[in-house]
Structure formats: structure tokens, C-alpha cells
Protein backbone atom coordinates (compact mmCIF):
# COMPACT_ATOMS: atom_id res chain seq x y z
CA MET A 1 -7.64 7.78 13.47
CA ARG A 2 -7.25 4.18 12.85
CA ASP A 3 -10.68 3.84 12.06
CA GLU A 4 -10.57 6.68 9.44
CA LEU A 5 -7.62 5.03 7.78
CA ILE A 6 -9.48 1.59 7.64
CA LYS A 7 -12.55 3.42 6.17
CA SER A 8 -10.26 5.32 3.62
CA ALA A 9 -8.53 2.07 2.50
CA LYS A 10 -11.80 0.11 2.14
CA ALA A 11 -13.00 2.77 0.03
CA GLY A 12 -9.95 2.84 -2.27
CA PRO A 13 -9.81 0.90 -5.63
CA LEU A 14 -8.84 -2.89 -5.41
CA ARG A 15 -5.21 -2.84 -6.23
CA ALA A 16 -1.92 -4.62 -4.83
CA GLY A 17 -1.58 -4.02 -1.07
CA LYS A 18 -5.20 -2.89 -0.31
CA ASN A 19 -6.03 -6.05 1.50
CA ASN A 20 -2.74 -6.17 3.36
CA LEU A 21 -3.04 -2.58 4.52
CA ILE A 22 -6.56 -3.35 5.89
CA LYS A 23 -5.39 -6.50 7.58
CA HIS A 24 -2.52 -4.44 9.28
CA LEU A 25 -4.89 -1.71 10.40
CA GLU A 26 -7.24 -4.13 11.82
CA GLY A 27 -4.50 -5.54 14.03
CA HIS A 28 -3.57 -8.73 12.14
CA ARG A 29 -0.07 -9.92 11.57
CA ILE A 30 1.27 -9.63 7.96
CA THR A 31 4.40 -10.77 6.35
CA ARG A 32 7.31 -8.34 5.26
CA ASN A 33 6.24 -8.57 1.59
CA GLN A 34 2.72 -7.87 2.61
CA ALA A 35 3.80 -5.02 4.65
CA ILE A 36 5.78 -3.50 1.68
CA SER A 37 2.79 -3.63 -0.66
CA ALA A 38 0.64 -2.28 2.11
CA LYS A 39 2.91 0.68 2.52
CA CYS A 40 3.03 1.28 -1.15
CA TYR A 41 -0.77 1.13 -1.44
CA ASP A 42 -0.98 3.74 1.33
CA CYS A 43 1.85 5.97 -0.08
CA ASN A 44 0.26 5.67 -3.49
CA GLY A 45 -2.81 7.56 -2.45
CA MET A 46 -4.76 4.31 -1.56
CA GLY A 47 -3.97 3.01 -4.92
CA GLU A 48 -5.19 6.18 -6.82
CA LEU A 49 -1.83 7.30 -8.50
CA GLY A 50 -1.11 4.44 -10.48
CA THR A 51 2.63 4.13 -10.77
CA CYS A 52 5.54 5.26 -8.55
CA GLU A 53 8.10 7.39 -9.79
CA ILE A 54 9.89 7.99 -6.32
CA THR A 55 13.12 6.02 -7.18
CA THR A 56 14.90 7.37 -4.03
CA CYS A 57 12.36 5.27 -1.71
CA ALA A 58 13.97 2.49 0.11
CA LEU A 59 10.99 0.26 -0.85
CA TRP A 60 10.86 1.35 -4.63
CA PRO A 61 12.76 -1.88 -5.87
CA PHE A 62 10.04 -3.99 -4.09
CA SER A 63 7.08 -1.72 -4.90
CA PRO A 64 4.10 -3.26 -7.01
CA TYR A 65 3.66 0.23 -8.29
CA ARG A 66 7.20 1.06 -9.70
CA THR A 67 7.65 1.71 -13.30
CA LYS A 68 9.36 -1.21 -15.05
CA SER A 69 12.66 -0.25 -16.65
């Protein structure tokens, strides 16, 4: 399963969080901010969706994909 996630992440577009997600899945340590951007990249369909509208998410205030208000 981990190999499939790595393959999917590597195939996704180059956007905020992509490299952090790959590093995490490969077993490397990442910082808290890197973990947030990696999770947002993952949740955002590996960077495919563009912006995040899930304002109820605990990570939304820190997401690189949130809509600016």
C-alpha cells in the first residue's frame, strides 16, 4: 500500500506539499509545517483539486490550498 501511495504522489502535479508527502512516505522525518502541507496535498487529491473549501478542517488555517479571505 505504501508503494502505491508513493507512486501516486510522484505522479501528481508539482504543488505545495508533494515533496514533503513523498519524504514522509519514504520514512524520512519531516517538520510539523511539512506534515501539514503533505497532508493537505494528500487530501487535495494529490494536488489535483486546486483550492480547499473545507473550512471545518483543523488544518485549514494552515493549508497552502485554502481560499484567501
